[in-house]
């Protein structure tokens, strides 16, 4: 009796365990599971419930940069129409450069005199090189029609807006740990090429220099300045963005009513429709986590 019980016990399969590879447990198939397999299953563990107001506040950064690009295009148009002369452009460049440095000094916590001097030195080299290359830019696209220039410029600006890093800037502030990604660099290059195409249609070397300096100041340093403002005070960031939207809409309305309506529609879509859309589709998000191999997120989903 005892011998039969021992033989039956030796033939019975051992208790099933979760193992990494198959063929490790005799008596069980590779895809075998028991009633305890789904005990550790968790549903919607990483799903973040977003609030409408918070998403709308986050979308302000996109609207802010859209207005900045619209202002650049307005300056291009007024320069091509000779509404802005080279002296006005140079005064605008100096004002933007001075105000940008003041904002950096007031908002950056780790800005030292040595780093500030490096900023001034780099801007000096950059401005000198741009002035030397201005005659080349002026004659670069002389054999290309103006319609082609505008078509390529608009395409490059759309590419710039599509690939732009709205959460930071291509030029990183002091203390930043992450380097610019590939898409933000492509976006910056697209804006620079668009600026060169527009500058090649201007009548004089000073016009080309002033326009290129203005465009590169905006596309290179404006994201850094706005990022520092947002990091310093979110309320100041909102006030600055609302003021920028008001100024942009005023100038666009004076230029063309149809473009004004288009810009208002884009701002409403970005700040109201898209956040509402994101909140609604969150209801259909369904995530399952359990005792199986699964892909892990490499970033913080709460950002």
Protein backbone atom coordinates (compact mmCIF):
# COMPACT_ATOMS: atom_id res chain seq x y z
CA UNK A 1 0.00 0.00 0.00
CA UNK A 2 2.78 2.41 0.86
CA UNK A 3 4.79 1.40 -2.22
CA UNK A 4 1.86 2.13 -4.56
CA UNK A 5 1.33 5.56 -2.97
CA UNK A 6 5.00 6.40 -3.41
CA UNK A 7 4.93 5.37 -7.07
CA UNK A 8 1.80 7.43 -7.76
CA UNK A 9 3.37 10.46 -6.08
CA UNK A 10 6.52 10.20 -8.19
CA UNK A 11 4.46 10.09 -11.42
CA UNK A 12 2.32 13.10 -10.49
CA UNK A 13 3.57 16.39 -12.02
CA UNK A 14 5.05 19.00 -9.74
CA UNK A 15 3.22 22.23 -8.99
CA UNK A 16 3.28 24.62 -11.97
CA UNK A 17 5.50 27.70 -11.66
CA UNK A 18 6.03 30.73 -13.90
CA UNK A 19 9.40 30.35 -15.63
CA UNK A 20 11.15 32.41 -18.30
CA UNK A 21 11.53 29.63 -20.90
CA UNK A 22 9.57 26.56 -21.96
CA UNK A 23 10.44 22.88 -21.55
CA UNK A 24 11.50 23.53 -17.97
CA UNK A 25 8.56 21.82 -16.22
CA UNK A 26 7.80 18.23 -17.24
CA UNK A 27 4.12 17.50 -17.47
CA UNK A 28 3.09 21.03 -18.51
CA UNK A 29 2.91 22.67 -21.94
CA UNK A 30 4.84 25.84 -22.71
CA UNK A 31 1.63 27.91 -22.83
CA UNK A 32 0.12 26.41 -19.71
CA UNK A 33 -1.34 28.72 -17.06
CA UNK A 34 -3.27 27.99 -13.90
CA UNK A 35 -5.88 29.90 -11.93
CA UNK A 36 -3.22 32.03 -10.21
CA UNK A 37 -1.80 33.48 -13.43
CA UNK A 38 -4.14 36.50 -13.59
CA UNK A 39 -4.05 37.35 -9.90
CA UNK A 40 -1.39 40.01 -10.50
CA UNK A 41 -3.20 41.61 -13.43
CA UNK A 42 -3.69 45.39 -13.06
CA UNK A 43 -5.87 47.48 -15.37
CA UNK A 44 -5.11 51.13 -16.25
CA UNK A 45 -2.25 51.43 -13.77
CA UNK A 46 -0.39 54.13 -15.73
CA UNK A 47 -3.35 55.99 -17.21
CA UNK A 48 -3.17 59.65 -16.19
CA UNK A 49 -6.48 61.49 -15.83
CA UNK A 50 -5.88 64.92 -17.31
CA UNK A 51 -7.82 68.06 -16.51
CA UNK A 52 -9.10 70.37 -19.22
CA UNK A 53 -7.62 73.52 -17.70
CA UNK A 54 -4.18 71.95 -17.28
CA UNK A 55 -4.10 70.75 -20.90
CA UNK A 56 -5.20 74.18 -22.14
CA UNK A 57 -2.41 75.83 -20.14
CA UNK A 58 0.14 73.42 -21.61
CA UNK A 59 -1.07 74.15 -25.14
CA UNK A 60 -0.31 77.87 -24.69
CA UNK A 61 3.35 77.17 -25.54
CA UNK A 62 2.32 75.98 -29.00
CA UNK A 63 0.15 79.05 -29.63
CA UNK A 64 2.93 81.27 -28.37
CA UNK A 65 5.43 79.94 -30.88
CA UNK A 66 2.87 80.05 -33.70
CA UNK A 67 2.46 83.76 -33.01
CA UNK A 68 6.24 84.23 -32.99
CA UNK A 69 6.53 82.64 -36.44
CA UNK A 70 3.64 84.77 -37.72
CA UNK A 71 5.42 87.89 -36.49
CA UNK A 72 8.58 86.85 -38.35
CA UNK A 73 6.59 86.43 -41.55
CA UNK A 74 4.99 89.84 -41.00
CA UNK A 75 8.42 91.45 -40.70
CA UNK A 76 9.48 89.70 -43.91
CA UNK A 77 6.41 91.00 -45.75
CA UNK A 78 6.81 94.57 -44.48
CA UNK A 79 10.49 94.51 -45.43
CA UNK A 80 9.78 93.26 -48.95
CA UNK A 81 7.14 95.99 -49.32
CA UNK A 82 9.71 98.60 -48.14
CA UNK A 83 7.48 99.48 -45.18
CA UNK A 84 10.42 98.68 -42.89
CA UNK A 85 13.75 100.18 -43.97
CA UNK A 86 17.17 98.92 -42.98
CA UNK A 87 17.53 101.43 -40.12
CA UNK A 88 14.26 100.31 -38.54
CA UNK A 89 15.30 96.68 -38.90
CA UNK A 90 18.67 97.30 -37.26
CA UNK A 91 16.98 99.15 -34.40
CA UNK A 92 14.58 96.23 -34.00
CA UNK A 93 17.50 93.77 -33.95
CA UNK A 94 19.34 95.73 -31.27
CA UNK A 95 16.18 96.02 -29.16
CA UNK A 96 15.45 92.29 -29.37
CA UNK A 97 19.04 91.37 -28.58
CA UNK A 98 19.19 93.68 -25.56
CA UNK A 99 15.83 92.59 -24.18
CA UNK A 100 16.77 88.93 -24.66
CA UNK A 101 19.97 89.34 -22.65
CA UNK A 102 18.09 91.16 -19.89
CA UNK A 103 15.53 88.37 -19.65
CA UNK A 104 18.27 85.73 -19.51
CA UNK A 105 20.06 87.60 -16.73
CA UNK A 106 16.85 87.98 -14.70
CA UNK A 107 15.49 84.45 -15.17
CA UNK A 108 18.48 82.09 -15.29
CA UNK A 109 19.59 80.97 -11.85
CA UNK A 110 22.97 79.55 -12.91
CA UNK A 111 24.03 82.41 -15.19
CA UNK A 112 27.53 83.57 -14.22
CA UNK A 113 29.62 86.43 -15.58
CA UNK A 114 31.79 83.96 -17.47
CA UNK A 115 28.80 82.36 -19.17
CA UNK A 116 27.35 85.78 -19.96
CA UNK A 117 30.66 86.82 -21.51
CA UNK A 118 30.63 83.65 -23.62
CA UNK A 119 27.14 84.56 -24.82
CA UNK A 120 28.30 88.05 -25.82
CA UNK A 121 31.41 86.70 -27.54
CA UNK A 122 29.47 84.10 -29.52
CA UNK A 123 26.88 86.66 -30.62
CA UNK A 124 29.69 88.99 -31.76
CA UNK A 125 31.31 86.28 -33.89
CA UNK A 126 27.91 85.25 -35.20
CA UNK A 127 26.97 88.83 -36.18
CA UNK A 128 30.33 89.47 -37.86
CA UNK A 129 30.12 86.29 -39.91
CA UNK A 130 26.56 87.11 -40.94
CA UNK A 131 27.59 90.58 -42.13
CA UNK A 132 30.44 89.10 -44.19
CA UNK A 133 28.13 86.54 -45.84
CA UNK A 134 25.32 89.03 -46.56
CA UNK A 135 26.41 89.70 -50.20
CA UNK A 136 26.38 85.96 -50.91
CA UNK A 137 22.89 85.59 -49.49
CA UNK A 138 21.69 88.54 -51.58
CA UNK A 139 22.56 86.84 -54.90
CA UNK A 140 21.97 83.25 -53.89
CA UNK A 141 18.56 82.74 -55.56
CA UNK A 142 18.66 85.38 -58.29
CA UNK A 143 17.81 82.83 -61.01
CA UNK A 144 14.76 81.44 -59.14
CA UNK A 145 11.29 82.94 -59.53
CA UNK A 146 9.61 84.67 -56.59
CA UNK A 147 6.64 82.27 -56.64
CA UNK A 148 9.00 79.32 -56.20
CA UNK A 149 10.79 81.14 -53.39
CA UNK A 150 7.54 81.74 -51.50
CA UNK A 151 6.33 78.16 -52.08
CA UNK A 152 9.55 76.68 -50.72
CA UNK A 153 9.63 79.16 -47.84
CA UNK A 154 6.09 78.33 -46.72
CA UNK A 155 6.85 74.60 -46.98
CA UNK A 156 10.00 75.02 -44.88
CA UNK A 157 8.11 77.03 -42.24
CA UNK A 158 5.44 74.33 -42.02
CA UNK A 159 8.18 71.75 -41.60
CA UNK A 160 9.75 73.96 -38.95
CA UNK A 161 6.49 74.21 -37.00
CA UNK A 162 5.79 70.50 -37.33
CA UNK A 163 9.20 69.38 -35.99
CA UNK A 164 9.82 72.16 -33.47
CA UNK A 165 10.48 71.18 -29.85
CA UNK A 166 7.69 73.03 -28.02
CA UNK A 167 8.77 71.75 -24.62
CA UNK A 168 12.22 73.37 -24.69
CA UNK A 169 14.69 74.98 -27.08
CA UNK A 170 17.36 73.87 -29.51
CA UNK A 171 19.89 76.03 -27.67
CA UNK A 172 19.89 74.57 -24.17
CA UNK A 173 20.01 76.80 -21.10
CA UNK A 174 22.73 76.41 -18.51
CA UNK A 175 22.33 73.29 -16.40
CA UNK A 176 20.27 71.42 -19.01
CA UNK A 177 20.97 67.68 -19.06
CA UNK A 178 19.42 66.73 -22.39
CA UNK A 179 20.91 67.49 -25.80
CA UNK A 180 18.75 68.68 -28.71
CA UNK A 181 17.13 65.83 -30.61
CA UNK A 182 17.33 65.29 -34.36
CA UNK A 183 13.88 66.64 -35.19
CA UNK A 184 14.50 69.96 -33.43
CA UNK A 185 17.78 70.39 -35.35
CA UNK A 186 16.00 69.70 -38.65
CA UNK A 187 13.35 72.22 -37.65
CA UNK A 188 15.98 74.87 -36.94
CA UNK A 189 17.76 74.22 -40.24
CA UNK A 190 14.48 74.53 -42.14
CA UNK A 191 13.81 77.95 -40.59
CA UNK A 192 17.34 79.16 -41.43
CA UNK A 193 17.01 78.09 -45.08
CA UNK A 194 13.62 79.84 -45.28
CA UNK A 195 15.24 83.01 -43.91
CA UNK A 196 18.01 82.82 -46.52
CA UNK A 197 15.45 82.48 -49.33
CA UNK A 198 13.54 85.55 -48.18
CA UNK A 199 16.70 87.59 -47.62
CA UNK A 200 17.85 86.85 -51.16
CA UNK A 201 14.95 88.96 -52.47
CA UNK A 202 16.00 92.14 -50.64
CA UNK A 203 17.57 95.09 -52.48
CA UNK A 204 20.68 95.89 -50.42
CA UNK A 205 23.36 94.24 -48.33
CA UNK A 206 22.21 96.02 -45.17
CA UNK A 207 18.65 94.81 -45.75
CA UNK A 208 19.89 91.23 -46.06
CA UNK A 209 22.05 91.50 -42.95
CA UNK A 210 19.31 93.08 -40.81
CA UNK A 211 16.65 90.60 -41.95
CA UNK A 212 18.88 87.56 -41.46
CA UNK A 213 19.95 88.81 -38.03
CA UNK A 214 16.33 89.34 -37.01
CA UNK A 215 15.23 85.91 -38.28
CA UNK A 216 18.07 84.03 -36.64
CA UNK A 217 17.58 85.90 -33.37
CA UNK A 218 13.98 84.74 -33.32
CA UNK A 219 14.48 81.15 -34.45
CA UNK A 220 17.63 80.59 -32.37
CA UNK A 221 17.12 82.60 -29.19
CA UNK A 222 13.37 83.18 -28.84
CA UNK A 223 12.69 79.54 -27.77
CA UNK A 224 15.47 79.85 -25.19
CA UNK A 225 14.05 83.11 -23.80
CA UNK A 226 10.48 81.80 -23.65
CA UNK A 227 11.70 78.59 -22.01
CA UNK A 228 13.52 80.59 -19.33
CA UNK A 229 10.42 82.71 -18.73
CA UNK A 230 8.25 79.61 -18.35
CA UNK A 231 10.77 77.98 -16.00
CA UNK A 232 11.02 81.14 -13.91
CA UNK A 233 7.28 81.81 -13.53
CA UNK A 234 4.39 80.01 -15.19
CA UNK A 235 2.06 82.96 -14.53
CA UNK A 236 4.50 85.30 -16.27
CA UNK A 237 4.65 82.80 -19.12
CA UNK A 238 0.86 82.95 -19.51
CA UNK A 239 0.79 86.76 -19.41
CA UNK A 240 3.61 87.00 -21.94
CA UNK A 241 1.87 84.52 -24.24
CA UNK A 242 -1.48 86.31 -24.09
CA UNK A 243 0.19 89.65 -24.80
CA UNK A 244 2.08 88.13 -27.72
CA UNK A 245 -1.14 86.70 -29.14
CA UNK A 246 -2.87 90.07 -28.87
CA UNK A 247 0.00 91.89 -30.63
CA UNK A 248 0.16 89.26 -33.38
CA UNK A 249 -3.58 89.35 -34.01
CA UNK A 250 -3.49 93.16 -34.19
CA UNK A 251 -0.76 93.24 -36.83
CA UNK A 252 -2.28 90.36 -38.80
CA UNK A 253 -5.67 92.11 -38.85
CA UNK A 254 -4.03 95.25 -40.26
CA UNK A 255 -2.42 93.12 -42.97
CA UNK A 256 -5.33 90.96 -44.16
CA UNK A 257 -8.71 90.03 -42.67
CA UNK A 258 -8.72 86.51 -44.11
CA UNK A 259 -5.32 85.71 -42.55
CA UNK A 260 -6.65 87.15 -39.26
CA UNK A 261 -9.63 84.77 -39.35
CA UNK A 262 -7.30 81.87 -40.20
CA UNK A 263 -4.98 82.67 -37.28
CA UNK A 264 -7.90 83.00 -34.83
CA UNK A 265 -9.20 79.63 -36.01
CA UNK A 266 -5.77 78.02 -35.53
CA UNK A 267 -5.43 79.45 -32.00
CA UNK A 268 -8.91 78.25 -31.01
CA UNK A 269 -8.17 74.82 -32.47
CA UNK A 270 -4.86 74.52 -30.60
CA UNK A 271 -6.01 75.93 -27.25
CA UNK A 272 -9.59 74.64 -27.03
CA UNK A 273 -10.44 71.93 -29.57
CA UNK A 274 -7.26 69.84 -29.21
CA UNK A 275 -7.33 69.79 -25.36
CA UNK A 276 -11.02 68.83 -25.39
CA UNK A 277 -10.27 66.15 -27.96
CA UNK A 278 -7.43 64.76 -25.82
CA UNK A 279 -9.65 64.64 -22.73
CA UNK A 280 -12.39 62.81 -24.62
CA UNK A 281 -10.14 60.13 -26.12
CA UNK A 282 -8.68 59.39 -22.67
CA UNK A 283 -11.99 57.68 -21.85
CA UNK A 284 -11.22 55.00 -24.44
CA UNK A 285 -7.70 54.29 -23.18
CA UNK A 286 -7.42 50.72 -21.88
CA UNK A 287 -4.16 49.36 -20.47
CA UNK A 288 -3.47 45.94 -18.98
CA UNK A 289 -0.44 45.09 -16.87
CA UNK A 290 0.24 41.59 -15.61
CA UNK A 291 2.76 38.81 -14.97
CA UNK A 292 4.01 38.67 -18.55
CA UNK A 293 6.80 40.33 -20.51
CA UNK A 294 5.75 43.81 -21.60
CA UNK A 295 7.32 46.97 -22.95
CA UNK A 296 8.23 49.54 -20.32
CA UNK A 297 7.99 53.31 -20.86
CA UNK A 298 11.35 55.05 -20.90
CA UNK A 299 9.93 58.46 -19.87
CA UNK A 300 7.78 59.89 -17.12
CA UNK A 301 4.19 59.87 -18.33
CA UNK A 302 3.20 62.56 -15.82
CA UNK A 303 5.34 65.24 -17.55
